[in-house]
Amino acid sequence: MNYSLSQLPERTQKPREQGFTMMMDKGLSIREVEDFLEVGAPYTDIVKLGWATSYVVPNLKRKLEVYKAAGLPVYLGGTLFEAFIIRNQFDDYRRLLDSFGLEYAEVSDGSIDLQHDRKCEFIRELSKSVRVLSEVGSKDAEKIIPPYKWISQMQAELDAGAIKVIGEAR
């Protein structure tokens, strides 16, 4: 830090469990990624390529290489996972992860109807080959999930093999 401020917790060092920080790349260019890394890499633990931007962004392979060179793992947003699942293309999704050498994956159901047991099966299967982050909640602001259900779903997803669970709310 450039100076001292009292009553602020000390920032833990990487690899960290507390203060674990994800940056969502919403379609940055490679130049923008390099600019971000110049200031944000020390504070970032993982990068999420939001939604399905990896489908359309130019130079995806190069972008992944830039993040990797900075020591930042990358994963594809859960909406892309959902796009594959709704089309019955889970095996294609797994091949996609392998083709880009990704070590993390997100499993979510924020924009599709997916039975929770089935979601946990996907987590179990993916966790055999990658580190899984899962997301509980909905992108639909009208969909209210009682707290006890959030807790039980989060625990079930951790038990299925997720290393972290993200709470989704609108």
Protein backbone atom coordinates (compact mmCIF):
# COMPACT_ATOMS: atom_id res chain seq x y z
CA MET A 1 0.00 0.00 0.00
CA ASN A 2 1.14 3.54 -0.61
CA TYR A 3 0.45 4.67 2.95
CA SER A 4 -1.00 3.45 6.22
CA LEU A 5 -4.60 3.66 7.39
CA SER A 6 -5.55 2.46 10.84
CA GLN A 7 -8.29 -0.08 11.53
CA LEU A 8 -7.96 -1.88 8.21
CA PRO A 9 -7.32 -5.62 8.20
CA GLU A 10 -4.02 -6.77 6.76
CA ARG A 11 -4.34 -8.14 3.24
CA THR A 12 -3.50 -11.83 3.25
CA GLN A 13 -0.95 -13.19 0.80
CA LYS A 14 -1.64 -15.54 -2.11
CA PRO A 15 -2.73 -18.27 -2.09
CA ARG A 16 -5.43 -17.03 0.24
CA GLU A 17 -8.71 -18.23 1.63
CA GLN A 18 -9.71 -14.95 3.28
CA GLY A 19 -10.14 -12.02 0.95
CA PHE A 20 -10.27 -14.34 -2.09
CA THR A 21 -11.02 -11.97 -4.96
CA MET A 22 -12.56 -12.73 -8.34
CA MET A 23 -12.44 -10.22 -11.18
CA MET A 24 -15.14 -10.52 -13.83
CA ASP A 25 -13.82 -9.91 -17.32
CA LYS A 26 -16.87 -8.71 -19.25
CA GLY A 27 -15.16 -8.88 -22.63
CA LEU A 28 -11.95 -6.92 -22.12
CA SER A 29 -9.49 -6.58 -24.98
CA ILE A 30 -5.99 -7.92 -24.49
CA ARG A 31 -4.71 -4.37 -24.02
CA GLU A 32 -7.34 -3.77 -21.33
CA VAL A 33 -6.35 -7.04 -19.65
CA GLU A 34 -2.72 -5.91 -19.59
CA ASP A 35 -3.75 -2.55 -18.11
CA PHE A 36 -5.85 -4.29 -15.46
CA LEU A 37 -3.01 -6.63 -14.55
CA GLU A 38 -0.62 -3.72 -14.07
CA VAL A 39 -2.70 -2.43 -11.17
CA GLY A 40 -4.95 -5.31 -10.11
CA ALA A 41 -3.00 -8.56 -10.40
CA PRO A 42 -1.64 -8.50 -6.82
CA TYR A 43 -5.18 -8.20 -5.43
CA THR A 44 -6.85 -10.72 -7.73
CA ASP A 45 -6.96 -14.46 -7.14
CA ILE A 46 -9.02 -15.65 -10.10
CA VAL A 47 -10.64 -14.27 -13.26
CA LYS A 48 -14.11 -15.12 -14.52
CA LEU A 49 -14.88 -14.61 -18.20
CA GLY A 50 -18.43 -13.42 -17.66
CA TRP A 51 -21.53 -14.86 -19.26
CA ALA A 52 -20.58 -16.28 -22.65
CA THR A 53 -18.04 -13.64 -23.67
CA SER A 54 -15.53 -16.40 -24.37
CA TYR A 55 -17.75 -17.42 -27.30
CA VAL A 56 -17.37 -14.09 -29.11
CA VAL A 57 -14.25 -12.34 -27.79
CA PRO A 58 -11.41 -12.17 -30.32
CA ASN A 59 -8.03 -13.69 -29.45
CA LEU A 60 -9.37 -15.85 -26.62
CA LYS A 61 -6.34 -18.13 -26.56
CA ARG A 62 -4.00 -15.14 -26.31
CA LYS A 63 -6.12 -13.59 -23.54
CA LEU A 64 -5.91 -16.81 -21.53
CA GLU A 65 -2.12 -16.85 -22.02
CA VAL A 66 -1.84 -13.26 -20.71
CA TYR A 67 -3.78 -14.12 -17.55
CA LYS A 68 -1.78 -17.33 -17.09
CA ALA A 69 1.53 -15.46 -17.43
CA ALA A 70 0.34 -13.19 -14.61
CA GLY A 71 -0.36 -16.22 -12.43
CA LEU A 72 -4.13 -15.81 -12.56
CA PRO A 73 -6.34 -18.81 -13.23
CA VAL A 74 -9.37 -18.22 -15.45
CA TYR A 75 -12.79 -19.84 -15.59
CA LEU A 76 -15.78 -19.47 -17.86
CA GLY A 77 -18.95 -17.95 -16.44
CA GLY A 78 -21.81 -20.17 -15.35
CA THR A 79 -24.14 -18.82 -18.02
CA LEU A 80 -21.97 -20.54 -20.62
CA PHE A 81 -22.18 -23.78 -18.62
CA GLU A 82 -25.97 -23.37 -18.62
CA ALA A 83 -25.99 -22.81 -22.40
CA PHE A 84 -24.22 -26.15 -22.87
CA ILE A 85 -26.48 -27.96 -20.37
CA ILE A 86 -29.75 -26.71 -21.86
CA ARG A 87 -28.53 -28.12 -25.21
CA ASN A 88 -27.50 -31.48 -23.69
CA GLN A 89 -23.83 -30.77 -24.50
CA PHE A 90 -22.15 -31.49 -21.17
CA ASP A 91 -19.45 -33.63 -22.80
CA ASP A 92 -18.76 -30.82 -25.28
CA TYR A 93 -18.41 -28.43 -22.33
CA ARG A 94 -15.86 -30.73 -20.71
CA ARG A 95 -13.93 -30.93 -23.97
CA LEU A 96 -13.99 -27.13 -24.19
CA LEU A 97 -12.43 -26.84 -20.72
CA ASP A 98 -9.76 -29.36 -21.72
CA SER A 99 -9.05 -27.66 -25.06
CA PHE A 100 -8.18 -24.40 -23.31
CA GLY A 101 -6.38 -26.07 -20.40
CA LEU A 102 -8.75 -24.54 -17.84
CA GLU A 103 -8.35 -25.76 -14.28
CA TYR A 104 -11.54 -24.19 -12.90
CA ALA A 105 -15.20 -24.35 -13.93
CA GLU A 106 -18.37 -22.71 -12.69
CA VAL A 107 -21.60 -24.66 -12.29
CA SER A 108 -24.73 -22.55 -11.98
CA ASP A 109 -28.45 -22.62 -12.66
CA GLY A 110 -29.25 -18.92 -12.40
CA SER A 111 -31.00 -18.67 -15.75
CA ILE A 112 -32.24 -22.24 -16.38
CA ASP A 113 -34.40 -24.71 -14.49
CA LEU A 114 -32.12 -27.47 -13.27
CA GLN A 115 -32.98 -29.95 -10.54
CA HIS A 116 -30.58 -29.45 -7.63
CA ASP A 117 -29.65 -33.15 -7.53
CA ARG A 118 -28.69 -32.95 -11.22
CA LYS A 119 -26.66 -29.80 -10.59
CA CYS A 120 -24.76 -31.62 -7.83
CA GLU A 121 -24.10 -34.50 -10.27
CA PHE A 122 -22.49 -32.02 -12.68
CA ILE A 123 -20.38 -30.66 -9.81
CA ARG A 124 -19.32 -34.18 -8.80
CA GLU A 125 -18.39 -35.10 -12.36
CA LEU A 126 -16.47 -31.89 -13.11
CA SER A 127 -14.65 -31.94 -9.76
CA LYS A 128 -12.89 -35.12 -10.90
CA SER A 129 -10.87 -33.05 -13.38
CA VAL A 130 -11.13 -29.35 -12.41
CA ARG A 131 -11.75 -27.16 -9.38
CA VAL A 132 -15.44 -26.26 -9.32
CA LEU A 133 -16.97 -23.01 -8.18
CA SER A 134 -20.73 -23.17 -7.91
CA GLU A 135 -23.35 -20.48 -7.76
CA VAL A 136 -26.55 -20.58 -5.73
CA GLY A 137 -29.39 -18.18 -6.44
CA SER A 138 -31.14 -16.77 -9.46
CA LYS A 139 -30.81 -13.97 -11.97
CA ASP A 140 -34.61 -13.62 -11.71
CA ALA A 141 -35.37 -10.96 -9.09
CA GLU A 142 -38.86 -12.46 -8.67
CA LYS A 143 -37.47 -15.83 -7.59
CA ILE A 144 -37.23 -15.74 -3.79
CA ILE A 145 -35.18 -18.46 -2.11
CA PRO A 146 -35.63 -18.86 1.66
CA PRO A 147 -32.39 -18.65 3.69
CA TYR A 148 -32.62 -22.27 4.91
CA LYS A 149 -32.72 -23.42 1.28
CA TRP A 150 -29.69 -21.27 0.36
CA ILE A 151 -27.76 -22.87 3.21
CA SER A 152 -28.77 -26.44 2.36
CA GLN A 153 -28.02 -25.95 -1.35
CA MET A 154 -24.64 -24.38 -0.62
CA GLN A 155 -23.71 -27.23 1.72
CA ALA A 156 -24.85 -29.86 -0.78
CA GLU A 157 -22.72 -28.24 -3.50
CA LEU A 158 -19.67 -28.13 -1.24
CA ASP A 159 -20.29 -31.78 -0.37
CA ALA A 160 -20.54 -32.57 -4.10
CA GLY A 161 -17.06 -31.13 -4.67
CA ALA A 162 -17.35 -27.37 -5.14
CA ILE A 163 -14.38 -25.53 -3.61
CA LYS A 164 -16.30 -22.25 -3.29
CA VAL A 165 -19.96 -21.26 -3.57
CA ILE A 166 -21.00 -17.86 -4.89
CA GLY A 167 -24.30 -16.33 -3.78
CA GLU A 168 -26.27 -14.95 -6.76
CA ALA A 169 -28.93 -12.33 -6.07
CA ARG A 170 -30.56 -9.49 -7.92
